[in-house]
Amino acid sequence: MNAYTFRIGEEEAGERIDAYLASRLDGKSRSYIQKLITDGMVMRNGRICKPSVRLTEDDVVEITLPDPVPLEAQPEEMPLSIIYEDDDLLVVDKPKGLSVHPGAGHPDHTLVNGLLYHCAGRLSGINGVERPGIVHRIDKDTSGLLVVCKNDAAHRSIASQLAAHTIHRRYYGITCGVPSPDHGTVESMIGRDPNMRLRMAADISGGKRAVTHYETDEILPGHALCRFRLETGRTHQIRVHMAKLHHPLLGDTLYGAPKEPFHTEGQTLHAGELGFVHPSTGEYLEFSAPLPEYFTRILKILRNLRA
């Protein structure tokens, strides 16, 4: 268990205790905090309180976070688009709408479940039973390439390449509006949005450095087809940076894209290229995955509008 203590300052006075704690504990939702308060895991000035209580200056708030209960994923037979596979790793082209690993609300039908079946459980264990083999992730509604490791040595090698920013990753996305200039670099400190816990935000004090390079490939009616090269790999990085430029990705309503008629069901973003040094052979490998059908369908519609 982890325990935290906060002393309330003048600026925080008047906030609800559940909202206050959710804004200061990274990755903890307000509903989760409310349950902890109800369960007696939160004390205000030494006393159990209600989630709706308003804080006053100099209050002392104590919260105890229970240890997470491991969610052991189960093997599940499902079709997987495997681009490459050997004894150390495999590269998968993940479809849009598929979560990478189990979590609250989706304990199964994830990429990890399919990998456990395909690999007969032979996956690296560094990230625990919830994320076996997973070194890096892409969002549920982002399609494209992921490298998955079968043993811990391969996992450590790929993880070190990610940390050194030497892995090649190129994404393709459709933006709302046309970025100006048509190419450039976005750099910011990305962290959890204090006003909406599901979102990340740019220019957050205490955030992590994030760098995205973008190029406009094609100008379309009211939109653009762009390429993105990641120098770092923060949560929602491309989505946050394009919103910062006031050109959010088509379908990305979380970051401000307007409603659209294409029924994208989430952001139009595809991880199309992935390159890294093989952990065992030392050979540089690079893979590509074509744009998925939903993506090419939207491009066709926009190109027809331009004609």
C-alpha atoms as a PDB file:
ATOM      1  CA  MET A   1       0.000   0.000   0.000  1.00  0.00           C
ATOM      2  CA  ASN A   2       1.060   3.601  -0.610  1.00  0.00           C
ATOM      3  CA  ALA A   3       0.043   6.479   1.661  1.00  0.00           C
ATOM      4  CA  TYR A   4       0.023  10.171   0.758  1.00  0.00           C
ATOM      5  CA  THR A   5      -0.527  13.275   2.872  1.00  0.00           C
ATOM      6  CA  PHE A   6      -1.560  16.697   1.570  1.00  0.00           C
ATOM      7  CA  ARG A   7      -1.909  20.010   3.382  1.00  0.00           C
ATOM      8  CA  ILE A   8      -4.472  22.309   1.806  1.00  0.00           C
ATOM      9  CA  GLY A   9      -3.340  25.788   0.844  1.00  0.00           C
ATOM     10  CA  GLU A  10      -5.355  28.923   0.303  1.00  0.00           C
ATOM     11  CA  GLU A  11      -5.739  28.288  -3.444  1.00  0.00           C
ATOM     12  CA  GLU A  12      -7.191  24.789  -2.936  1.00  0.00           C
ATOM     13  CA  ALA A  13      -9.715  25.823  -0.267  1.00  0.00           C
ATOM     14  CA  GLY A  14     -13.269  25.253  -1.432  1.00  0.00           C
ATOM     15  CA  GLU A  15     -12.494  22.277  -3.672  1.00  0.00           C
ATOM     16  CA  ARG A  16     -14.338  18.986  -3.195  1.00  0.00           C
ATOM     17  CA  ILE A  17     -12.017  16.428  -1.643  1.00  0.00           C
ATOM     18  CA  ASP A  18     -12.659  13.830  -4.382  1.00  0.00           C
ATOM     19  CA  ALA A  19     -11.860  16.310  -7.159  1.00  0.00           C
ATOM     20  CA  TYR A  20      -8.776  17.566  -5.317  1.00  0.00           C
ATOM     21  CA  LEU A  21      -7.289  14.080  -4.867  1.00  0.00           C
ATOM     22  CA  ALA A  22      -8.085  13.011  -8.445  1.00  0.00           C
ATOM     23  CA  SER A  23      -6.206  16.042  -9.766  1.00  0.00           C
ATOM     24  CA  ARG A  24      -3.117  15.221  -7.729  1.00  0.00           C
ATOM     25  CA  LEU A  25      -2.836  11.470  -8.054  1.00  0.00           C
ATOM     26  CA  ASP A  26      -1.694  10.566 -11.546  1.00  0.00           C
ATOM     27  CA  GLY A  27      -3.833   7.970 -13.272  1.00  0.00           C
ATOM     28  CA  LYS A  28      -6.515   7.821 -10.548  1.00  0.00           C
ATOM     29  CA  SER A  29     -10.039   8.664 -11.660  1.00  0.00           C
ATOM     30  CA  ARG A  30     -12.496  10.635  -9.589  1.00  0.00           C
ATOM     31  CA  SER A  31     -14.830   7.640  -9.333  1.00  0.00           C
ATOM     32  CA  TYR A  32     -11.938   5.521  -8.009  1.00  0.00           C
ATOM     33  CA  ILE A  33     -11.137   8.183  -5.393  1.00  0.00           C
ATOM     34  CA  GLN A  34     -14.798   8.345  -4.387  1.00  0.00           C
ATOM     35  CA  LYS A  35     -14.804   4.585  -3.761  1.00  0.00           C
ATOM     36  CA  LEU A  36     -11.693   4.879  -1.587  1.00  0.00           C
ATOM     37  CA  ILE A  37     -13.342   7.655   0.424  1.00  0.00           C
ATOM     38  CA  THR A  38     -16.482   5.552   0.855  1.00  0.00           C
ATOM     39  CA  ASP A  39     -14.312   2.599   1.931  1.00  0.00           C
ATOM     40  CA  GLY A  40     -12.669   4.728   4.645  1.00  0.00           C
ATOM     41  CA  MET A  41      -9.265   4.972   2.951  1.00  0.00           C
ATOM     42  CA  VAL A  42      -9.260   8.786   3.067  1.00  0.00           C
ATOM     43  CA  MET A  43      -9.021  10.924   6.203  1.00  0.00           C
ATOM     44  CA  ARG A  44      -9.589  14.666   6.573  1.00  0.00           C
ATOM     45  CA  ASN A  45      -7.991  16.012   9.746  1.00  0.00           C
ATOM     46  CA  GLY A  46      -7.892  12.489  11.137  1.00  0.00           C
ATOM     47  CA  ARG A  47     -11.540  11.693  10.438  1.00  0.00           C
ATOM     48  CA  ILE A  48     -13.382   9.737   7.767  1.00  0.00           C
ATOM     49  CA  CYS A  49     -15.284  12.051   5.437  1.00  0.00           C
ATOM     50  CA  LYS A  50     -17.670  12.061   2.467  1.00  0.00           C
ATOM     51  CA  PRO A  51     -16.620  12.532  -1.198  1.00  0.00           C
ATOM     52  CA  SER A  52     -18.602  15.789  -1.372  1.00  0.00           C
ATOM     53  CA  VAL A  53     -16.899  17.524   1.556  1.00  0.00           C
ATOM     54  CA  ARG A  54     -15.339  20.911   0.753  1.00  0.00           C
ATOM     55  CA  LEU A  55     -11.766  21.521   1.852  1.00  0.00           C
ATOM     56  CA  THR A  56     -10.621  24.463   3.932  1.00  0.00           C
ATOM     57  CA  GLU A  57      -7.176  26.022   4.281  1.00  0.00           C
ATOM     58  CA  ASP A  58      -4.764  24.019   6.473  1.00  0.00           C
ATOM     59  CA  ASP A  59      -6.819  20.826   6.267  1.00  0.00           C
ATOM     60  CA  VAL A  60      -4.647  17.705   6.328  1.00  0.00           C
ATOM     61  CA  VAL A  61      -5.791  15.034   3.889  1.00  0.00           C
ATOM     62  CA  GLU A  62      -4.446  11.478   4.114  1.00  0.00           C
ATOM     63  CA  ILE A  63      -5.143   8.795   1.526  1.00  0.00           C
ATOM     64  CA  THR A  64      -4.056   5.163   1.422  1.00  0.00           C
ATOM     65  CA  LEU A  65      -3.911   3.498  -2.004  1.00  0.00           C
ATOM     66  CA  PRO A  66      -4.287  -0.286  -1.885  1.00  0.00           C
ATOM     67  CA  ASP A  67      -1.886  -2.426  -3.865  1.00  0.00           C
ATOM     68  CA  PRO A  68      -3.225  -3.211  -7.341  1.00  0.00           C
ATOM     69  CA  VAL A  69      -4.696  -6.672  -7.800  1.00  0.00           C
ATOM     70  CA  PRO A  70      -2.956  -8.315 -10.770  1.00  0.00           C
ATOM     71  CA  LEU A  71      -5.299  -9.093 -13.618  1.00  0.00           C
ATOM     72  CA  GLU A  72      -4.079 -12.315 -15.140  1.00  0.00           C
ATOM     73  CA  ALA A  73      -4.951 -12.306 -18.824  1.00  0.00           C
ATOM     74  CA  GLN A  74      -6.243 -15.527 -20.325  1.00  0.00           C
ATOM     75  CA  PRO A  75      -5.312 -16.950 -23.747  1.00  0.00           C
ATOM     76  CA  GLU A  76      -7.939 -16.322 -26.393  1.00  0.00           C
ATOM     77  CA  GLU A  77      -7.971 -17.506 -29.974  1.00  0.00           C
ATOM     78  CA  MET A  78      -8.379 -14.591 -32.366  1.00  0.00           C
ATOM     79  CA  PRO A  79      -7.070 -13.545 -35.781  1.00  0.00           C
ATOM     80  CA  LEU A  80      -3.790 -11.631 -35.570  1.00  0.00           C
ATOM     81  CA  SER A  81      -2.050  -9.810 -38.401  1.00  0.00           C
ATOM     82  CA  ILE A  82       1.562 -10.845 -37.773  1.00  0.00           C
ATOM     83  CA  ILE A  83       4.082  -9.065 -39.996  1.00  0.00           C
ATOM     84  CA  TYR A  84       7.188 -10.805 -38.640  1.00  0.00           C
ATOM     85  CA  GLU A  85       8.004 -13.462 -36.045  1.00  0.00           C
ATOM     86  CA  ASP A  86      11.070 -15.306 -34.718  1.00  0.00           C
ATOM     87  CA  ASP A  87      12.196 -16.832 -31.412  1.00  0.00           C
ATOM     88  CA  ASP A  88      12.702 -13.434 -29.746  1.00  0.00           C
ATOM     89  CA  LEU A  89       9.865 -11.234 -30.900  1.00  0.00           C
ATOM     90  CA  LEU A  90       7.027 -10.595 -33.275  1.00  0.00           C
ATOM     91  CA  VAL A  91       5.662  -7.499 -35.020  1.00  0.00           C
ATOM     92  CA  VAL A  92       1.877  -7.168 -35.118  1.00  0.00           C
ATOM     93  CA  ASP A  93      -0.375  -4.893 -37.156  1.00  0.00           C
ATOM     94  CA  LYS A  94      -3.062  -4.035 -34.571  1.00  0.00           C
ATOM     95  CA  PRO A  95      -6.513  -3.145 -35.909  1.00  0.00           C
ATOM     96  CA  LYS A  96      -8.446  -0.073 -34.835  1.00  0.00           C
ATOM     97  CA  GLY A  97     -10.760  -0.740 -31.883  1.00  0.00           C
ATOM     98  CA  LEU A  98      -8.615  -3.420 -30.226  1.00  0.00           C
ATOM     99  CA  SER A  99      -7.148  -2.625 -26.793  1.00  0.00           C
ATOM    100  CA  VAL A 100      -3.527  -3.682 -26.335  1.00  0.00           C
ATOM    101  CA  HIS A 101      -3.917  -5.190 -22.854  1.00  0.00           C
ATOM    102  CA  PRO A 102      -6.688  -5.970 -20.345  1.00  0.00           C
ATOM    103  CA  GLY A 103      -7.869  -3.311 -17.950  1.00  0.00           C
ATOM    104  CA  ALA A 104     -10.881  -2.073 -16.058  1.00  0.00           C
ATOM    105  CA  GLY A 105     -13.936  -2.567 -18.211  1.00  0.00           C
ATOM    106  CA  HIS A 106     -12.203  -4.802 -20.775  1.00  0.00           C
ATOM    107  CA  PRO A 107     -10.713  -7.891 -19.080  1.00  0.00           C
ATOM    108  CA  ASP A 108     -10.539  -9.878 -22.312  1.00  0.00           C
ATOM    109  CA  HIS A 109     -10.724  -9.594 -26.125  1.00  0.00           C
ATOM    110  CA  THR A 110      -7.425  -7.646 -26.154  1.00  0.00           C
ATOM    111  CA  LEU A 111      -4.223  -8.055 -28.138  1.00  0.00           C
ATOM    112  CA  VAL A 112      -2.545  -9.619 -25.087  1.00  0.00           C
ATOM    113  CA  ASN A 113      -5.238 -12.308 -24.911  1.00  0.00           C
ATOM    114  CA  GLY A 114      -4.607 -13.176 -28.551  1.00  0.00           C
ATOM    115  CA  LEU A 115      -0.828 -13.155 -28.094  1.00  0.00           C
ATOM    116  CA  LEU A 116      -1.023 -15.510 -25.111  1.00  0.00           C
ATOM    117  CA  TYR A 117      -2.887 -18.001 -27.291  1.00  0.00           C
ATOM    118  CA  HIS A 118      -0.649 -17.588 -30.340  1.00  0.00           C
ATOM    119  CA  CYS A 119       2.616 -17.754 -28.380  1.00  0.00           C
ATOM    120  CA  ALA A 120       1.373 -20.423 -25.961  1.00  0.00           C
ATOM    121  CA  GLY A 121       2.248 -18.130 -23.060  1.00  0.00           C
ATOM    122  CA  ARG A 122       5.847 -17.600 -24.200  1.00  0.00           C
ATOM    123  CA  LEU A 123       6.103 -13.851 -23.690  1.00  0.00           C
ATOM    124  CA  SER A 124       8.408 -11.602 -21.670  1.00  0.00           C
ATOM    125  CA  GLY A 125       7.350 -11.126 -18.046  1.00  0.00           C
ATOM    126  CA  ILE A 126       8.950  -7.781 -17.236  1.00  0.00           C
ATOM    127  CA  ASN A 127       5.670  -5.864 -17.390  1.00  0.00           C
ATOM    128  CA  GLY A 128       3.809  -8.433 -15.297  1.00  0.00           C
ATOM    129  CA  VAL A 129       0.766 -10.596 -15.851  1.00  0.00           C
ATOM    130  CA  GLU A 130      -1.342  -7.705 -17.178  1.00  0.00           C
ATOM    131  CA  ARG A 131       1.024  -6.834 -20.030  1.00  0.00           C
ATOM    132  CA  PRO A 132       3.142  -9.877 -20.973  1.00  0.00           C
ATOM    133  CA  GLY A 133       5.357  -9.165 -23.957  1.00  0.00           C
ATOM    134  CA  ILE A 134       4.249  -5.550 -24.223  1.00  0.00           C
ATOM    135  CA  VAL A 135       7.093  -3.024 -24.430  1.00  0.00           C
ATOM    136  CA  HIS A 136       5.190  -0.109 -25.973  1.00  0.00           C
ATOM    137  CA  ARG A 137       1.528   0.585 -26.675  1.00  0.00           C
ATOM    138  CA  ILE A 138      -0.722   2.383 -29.100  1.00  0.00           C
ATOM    139  CA  ASP A 139      -4.209   3.604 -28.265  1.00  0.00           C
ATOM    140  CA  LYS A 140      -7.237   1.369 -28.726  1.00  0.00           C
ATOM    141  CA  ASP A 141      -8.493   3.438 -31.676  1.00  0.00           C
ATOM    142  CA  THR A 142      -5.057   3.804 -33.279  1.00  0.00           C
ATOM    143  CA  SER A 143      -4.154   1.068 -35.755  1.00  0.00           C
ATOM    144  CA  GLY A 144      -0.735  -0.167 -36.772  1.00  0.00           C
ATOM    145  CA  LEU A 145       2.565  -1.730 -35.796  1.00  0.00           C
ATOM    146  CA  LEU A 146       3.741  -2.955 -32.407  1.00  0.00           C
ATOM    147  CA  VAL A 147       6.778  -5.035 -31.469  1.00  0.00           C
ATOM    148  CA  VAL A 148       6.070  -7.750 -28.888  1.00  0.00           C
ATOM    149  CA  CYS A 149       8.844  -9.575 -27.013  1.00  0.00           C
ATOM    150  CA  LYS A 150       8.919 -13.291 -26.225  1.00  0.00           C
ATOM    151  CA  ASN A 151      11.667 -13.193 -23.595  1.00  0.00           C
ATOM    152  CA  ASP A 152      13.076 -10.761 -21.056  1.00  0.00           C
ATOM    153  CA  ALA A 153      16.393 -10.249 -22.875  1.00  0.00           C
ATOM    154  CA  ALA A 154      14.587  -9.090 -26.005  1.00  0.00           C
ATOM    155  CA  HIS A 155      12.296  -6.928 -23.877  1.00  0.00           C
ATOM    156  CA  ARG A 156      15.226  -5.174 -22.192  1.00  0.00           C
ATOM    157  CA  SER A 157      16.884  -4.521 -25.558  1.00  0.00           C
ATOM    158  CA  ILE A 158      13.777  -2.999 -27.155  1.00  0.00           C
ATOM    159  CA  ALA A 159      13.002  -1.006 -24.004  1.00  0.00           C
ATOM    160  CA  SER A 160      16.530   0.458 -23.981  1.00  0.00           C
ATOM    161  CA  GLN A 161      16.162   1.463 -27.647  1.00  0.00           C
ATOM    162  CA  LEU A 162      12.874   3.161 -26.824  1.00  0.00           C
ATOM    163  CA  ALA A 163      14.497   4.988 -23.906  1.00  0.00           C
ATOM    164  CA  ALA A 164      17.344   6.132 -26.176  1.00  0.00           C
ATOM    165  CA  HIS A 165      14.821   7.308 -28.831  1.00  0.00           C
ATOM    166  CA  THR A 166      16.543   5.197 -31.494  1.00  0.00           C
ATOM    167  CA  ILE A 167      13.478   3.227 -32.614  1.00  0.00           C
ATOM    168  CA  HIS A 168      12.005   4.502 -35.877  1.00  0.00           C
ATOM    169  CA  ARG A 169       8.252   5.141 -35.649  1.00  0.00           C
ATOM    170  CA  ARG A 170       6.221   6.871 -38.339  1.00  0.00           C
ATOM    171  CA  TYR A 171       2.488   7.468 -38.125  1.00  0.00           C
ATOM    172  CA  TYR A 172      -0.071   8.670 -40.645  1.00  0.00           C
ATOM    173  CA  GLY A 173      -3.036  10.799 -39.674  1.00  0.00           C
ATOM    174  CA  ILE A 174      -5.764  12.984 -41.135  1.00  0.00           C
ATOM    175  CA  THR A 175      -5.976  16.402 -39.506  1.00  0.00           C
ATOM    176  CA  CYS A 176      -8.871  18.821 -39.266  1.00  0.00           C
ATOM    177  CA  GLY A 177      -7.688  21.774 -41.319  1.00  0.00           C
ATOM    178  CA  VAL A 178      -4.247  22.124 -42.861  1.00  0.00           C
ATOM    179  CA  PRO A 179      -1.230  22.691 -40.568  1.00  0.00           C
ATOM    180  CA  SER A 180       0.754  25.849 -41.247  1.00  0.00           C
ATOM    181  CA  PRO A 181       3.621  25.684 -41.897  1.00  0.00           C
ATOM    182  CA  ASP A 182       3.192  22.418 -43.773  1.00  0.00           C
ATOM    183  CA  HIS A 183       6.013  20.772 -41.833  1.00  0.00           C
ATOM    184  CA  GLY A 184       7.699  21.347 -38.524  1.00  0.00           C
ATOM    185  CA  THR A 185       8.408  20.120 -35.017  1.00  0.00           C
ATOM    186  CA  VAL A 186       6.208  20.352 -31.939  1.00  0.00           C
ATOM    187  CA  GLU A 187       7.915  20.173 -28.560  1.00  0.00           C
ATOM    188  CA  SER A 188       6.235  20.451 -25.175  1.00  0.00           C
ATOM    189  CA  MET A 189       6.037  18.973 -21.689  1.00  0.00           C
ATOM    190  CA  ILE A 190       3.140  16.491 -21.735  1.00  0.00           C
ATOM    191  CA  GLY A 191       1.348  15.498 -18.548  1.00  0.00           C
ATOM    192  CA  ARG A 192      -2.072  14.583 -17.211  1.00  0.00           C
ATOM    193  CA  ASP A 193      -4.685  17.285 -17.838  1.00  0.00           C
ATOM    194  CA  PRO A 194      -5.638  18.550 -14.352  1.00  0.00           C
ATOM    195  CA  ASN A 195      -9.144  19.409 -15.555  1.00  0.00           C
ATOM    196  CA  MET A 196      -9.963  16.105 -17.305  1.00  0.00           C
ATOM    197  CA  ARG A 197      -8.249  12.935 -16.148  1.00  0.00           C
ATOM    198  CA  LEU A 198      -8.871  11.026 -19.386  1.00  0.00           C
ATOM    199  CA  ARG A 199      -6.802  13.553 -21.323  1.00  0.00           C
ATOM    200  CA  MET A 200      -3.174  14.507 -21.502  1.00  0.00           C
ATOM    201  CA  ALA A 201      -2.141  18.110 -22.075  1.00  0.00           C
ATOM    202  CA  ALA A 202       0.804  20.047 -23.473  1.00  0.00           C
ATOM    203  CA  ASP A 203       2.846  22.542 -21.460  1.00  0.00           C
ATOM    204  CA  ILE A 204       2.132  20.895 -18.114  1.00  0.00           C
ATOM    205  CA  SER A 205       4.465  21.779 -15.261  1.00  0.00           C
ATOM    206  CA  GLY A 206       6.208  18.580 -14.213  1.00  0.00           C
ATOM    207  CA  GLY A 207       5.254  16.836 -17.461  1.00  0.00           C
ATOM    208  CA  LYS A 208       7.611  14.811 -19.636  1.00  0.00           C
ATOM    209  CA  ARG A 209       9.402  16.179 -22.690  1.00  0.00           C
ATOM    210  CA  ALA A 210       7.697  15.210 -25.941  1.00  0.00           C
ATOM    211  CA  VAL A 211       8.874  15.880 -29.502  1.00  0.00           C
ATOM    212  CA  THR A 212       6.845  15.222 -32.670  1.00  0.00           C
ATOM    213  CA  HIS A 213       7.987  15.957 -36.229  1.00  0.00           C
ATOM    214  CA  TYR A 214       5.225  16.367 -38.805  1.00  0.00           C
ATOM    215  CA  GLU A 215       4.962  16.741 -42.583  1.00  0.00           C
ATOM    216  CA  THR A 216       1.897  17.434 -44.724  1.00  0.00           C
ATOM    217  CA  ASP A 217       1.662  14.843 -47.495  1.00  0.00           C
ATOM    218  CA  GLU A 218      -1.580  15.912 -49.131  1.00  0.00           C
ATOM    219  CA  ILE A 219      -3.992  18.839 -48.789  1.00  0.00           C
ATOM    220  CA  LEU A 220      -7.631  17.742 -48.864  1.00  0.00           C
ATOM    221  CA  PRO A 221     -10.914  19.680 -48.568  1.00  0.00           C
ATOM    222  CA  GLY A 222     -10.879  20.968 -44.983  1.00  0.00           C
ATOM    223  CA  HIS A 223      -8.281  18.377 -43.982  1.00  0.00           C
ATOM    224  CA  ALA A 224      -4.733  17.160 -44.594  1.00  0.00           C
ATOM    225  CA  LEU A 225      -2.998  13.806 -44.735  1.00  0.00           C
ATOM    226  CA  CYS A 226       0.098  14.109 -42.543  1.00  0.00           C
ATOM    227  CA  ARG A 227       3.081  12.002 -41.524  1.00  0.00           C
ATOM    228  CA  PHE A 228       4.382  12.065 -37.966  1.00  0.00           C
ATOM    229  CA  ARG A 229       7.758  10.887 -36.703  1.00  0.00           C
ATOM    230  CA  LEU A 230       8.067  10.380 -32.968  1.00  0.00           C
ATOM    231  CA  GLU A 231      11.255  11.376 -31.216  1.00  0.00           C
ATOM    232  CA  THR A 232       9.696  10.490 -27.855  1.00  0.00           C
ATOM    233  CA  GLY A 233       6.739   8.284 -26.992  1.00  0.00           C
ATOM    234  CA  ARG A 234       4.345   9.896 -24.532  1.00  0.00           C
ATOM    235  CA  THR A 235       0.725   8.929 -23.988  1.00  0.00           C
ATOM    236  CA  HIS A 236      -1.485  10.477 -26.723  1.00  0.00           C
ATOM    237  CA  GLN A 237       1.559  12.431 -27.952  1.00  0.00           C
ATOM    238  CA  ILE A 238       0.529  13.028 -31.582  1.00  0.00           C
ATOM    239  CA  ARG A 239      -3.058  13.720 -30.585  1.00  0.00           C
ATOM    240  CA  VAL A 240      -1.998  16.279 -27.976  1.00  0.00           C
ATOM    241  CA  HIS A 241       0.484  18.003 -30.276  1.00  0.00           C
ATOM    242  CA  MET A 242      -1.922  18.358 -33.184  1.00  0.00           C
ATOM    243  CA  ALA A 243      -4.538  19.779 -30.818  1.00  0.00           C
ATOM    244  CA  LYS A 244      -1.868  22.227 -29.634  1.00  0.00           C
ATOM    245  CA  LEU A 245      -1.506  23.358 -33.269  1.00  0.00           C
ATOM    246  CA  HIS A 246      -5.324  23.729 -33.452  1.00  0.00           C
ATOM    247  CA  HIS A 247      -5.498  20.902 -36.007  1.00  0.00           C
ATOM    248  CA  PRO A 248      -6.725  17.873 -34.042  1.00  0.00           C
ATOM    249  CA  LEU A 249      -6.901  14.497 -35.729  1.00  0.00           C
ATOM    250  CA  LEU A 250     -10.109  13.702 -37.572  1.00  0.00           C
ATOM    251  CA  GLY A 251     -12.469  11.838 -35.231  1.00  0.00           C
ATOM    252  CA  ASP A 252     -10.528  12.723 -32.071  1.00  0.00           C
ATOM    253  CA  THR A 253     -13.340  14.349 -30.070  1.00  0.00           C
ATOM    254  CA  LEU A 254     -11.356  13.941 -26.833  1.00  0.00           C
ATOM    255  CA  TYR A 255      -8.932  16.583 -28.108  1.00  0.00           C
ATOM    256  CA  GLY A 256     -11.384  18.906 -29.763  1.00  0.00           C
ATOM    257  CA  ALA A 257     -12.096  17.585 -33.253  1.00  0.00           C
ATOM    258  CA  PRO A 258     -15.587  18.607 -34.396  1.00  0.00           C
ATOM    259  CA  LYS A 259     -18.218  16.011 -35.196  1.00  0.00           C
ATOM    260  CA  GLU A 260     -17.744  14.535 -38.655  1.00  0.00           C
ATOM    261  CA  PRO A 261     -19.786  12.446 -41.106  1.00  0.00           C
ATOM    262  CA  PHE A 262     -17.234   9.661 -41.621  1.00  0.00           C
ATOM    263  CA  HIS A 263     -18.100   7.546 -38.536  1.00  0.00           C
ATOM    264  CA  THR A 264     -14.446   7.087 -37.618  1.00  0.00           C
ATOM    265  CA  GLU A 265     -15.209   5.965 -34.028  1.00  0.00           C
ATOM    266  CA  GLY A 266     -12.060   7.620 -32.734  1.00  0.00           C
ATOM    267  CA  GLN A 267      -8.971   9.327 -34.079  1.00  0.00           C
ATOM    268  CA  THR A 268      -7.768   8.686 -37.623  1.00  0.00           C
ATOM    269  CA  LEU A 269      -4.206   7.601 -36.833  1.00  0.00           C
ATOM    270  CA  HIS A 270      -2.123   4.680 -38.102  1.00  0.00           C
ATOM    271  CA  ALA A 271       1.313   3.480 -36.973  1.00  0.00           C
ATOM    272  CA  GLY A 272       2.601   2.695 -40.448  1.00  0.00           C
ATOM    273  CA  GLU A 273       6.370   2.214 -39.980  1.00  0.00           C
ATOM    274  CA  LEU A 274       8.487   0.617 -37.253  1.00  0.00           C
ATOM    275  CA  GLY A 275      12.233   0.046 -37.220  1.00  0.00           C
ATOM    276  CA  PHE A 276      14.639  -1.242 -34.556  1.00  0.00           C
ATOM    277  CA  VAL A 277      17.823  -3.232 -34.009  1.00  0.00           C
ATOM    278  CA  HIS A 278      17.124  -6.933 -33.477  1.00  0.00           C
ATOM    279  CA  PRO A 279      18.044  -7.922 -29.889  1.00  0.00           C
ATOM    280  CA  SER A 280      19.922 -11.097 -30.892  1.00  0.00           C
ATOM    281  CA  THR A 281      21.324 -10.532 -34.374  1.00  0.00           C
ATOM    282  CA  GLY A 282      22.113  -6.812 -34.137  1.00  0.00           C
ATOM    283  CA  GLU A 283      20.527  -6.374 -37.563  1.00  0.00           C
ATOM    284  CA  TYR A 284      18.390  -3.304 -38.218  1.00  0.00           C
ATOM    285  CA  LEU A 285      14.851  -4.325 -39.179  1.00  0.00           C
ATOM    286  CA  GLU A 286      12.160  -2.048 -40.576  1.00  0.00           C
ATOM    287  CA  PHE A 287       8.532  -2.885 -41.247  1.00  0.00           C
ATOM    288  CA  SER A 288       5.566  -1.130 -42.798  1.00  0.00           C
ATOM    289  CA  ALA A 289       1.814  -1.674 -42.649  1.00  0.00           C
ATOM    290  CA  PRO A 290      -0.581  -0.317 -45.288  1.00  0.00           C
ATOM    291  CA  LEU A 291      -3.313   2.116 -44.353  1.00  0.00           C
ATOM    292  CA  PRO A 292      -6.400   0.220 -43.136  1.00  0.00           C
ATOM    293  CA  GLU A 293      -9.671   0.171 -45.053  1.00  0.00           C
ATOM    294  CA  TYR A 294     -11.473   2.753 -42.909  1.00  0.00           C
ATOM    295  CA  PHE A 295      -8.601   5.177 -43.477  1.00  0.00           C
ATOM    296  CA  THR A 296      -8.447   4.746 -47.259  1.00  0.00           C
ATOM    297  CA  ARG A 297     -12.249   5.026 -47.451  1.00  0.00           C
ATOM    298  CA  ILE A 298     -12.135   8.487 -45.859  1.00  0.00           C
ATOM    299  CA  LEU A 299      -9.277   9.566 -48.122  1.00  0.00           C
ATOM    300  CA  LYS A 300     -11.283   8.475 -51.169  1.00  0.00           C
ATOM    301  CA  ILE A 301     -14.292  10.523 -50.049  1.00  0.00           C
ATOM    302  CA  LEU A 302     -12.166  13.623 -49.448  1.00  0.00           C
ATOM    303  CA  ARG A 303     -10.350  13.238 -52.766  1.00  0.00           C
ATOM    304  CA  ASN A 304     -13.668  12.933 -54.589  1.00  0.00           C
ATOM    305  CA  LEU A 305     -14.829  16.161 -52.930  1.00  0.00           C
ATOM    306  CA  ARG A 306     -11.706  17.876 -54.255  1.00  0.00           C
ATOM    307  CA  ALA A 307     -12.175  16.602 -57.822  1.00  0.00           C
END
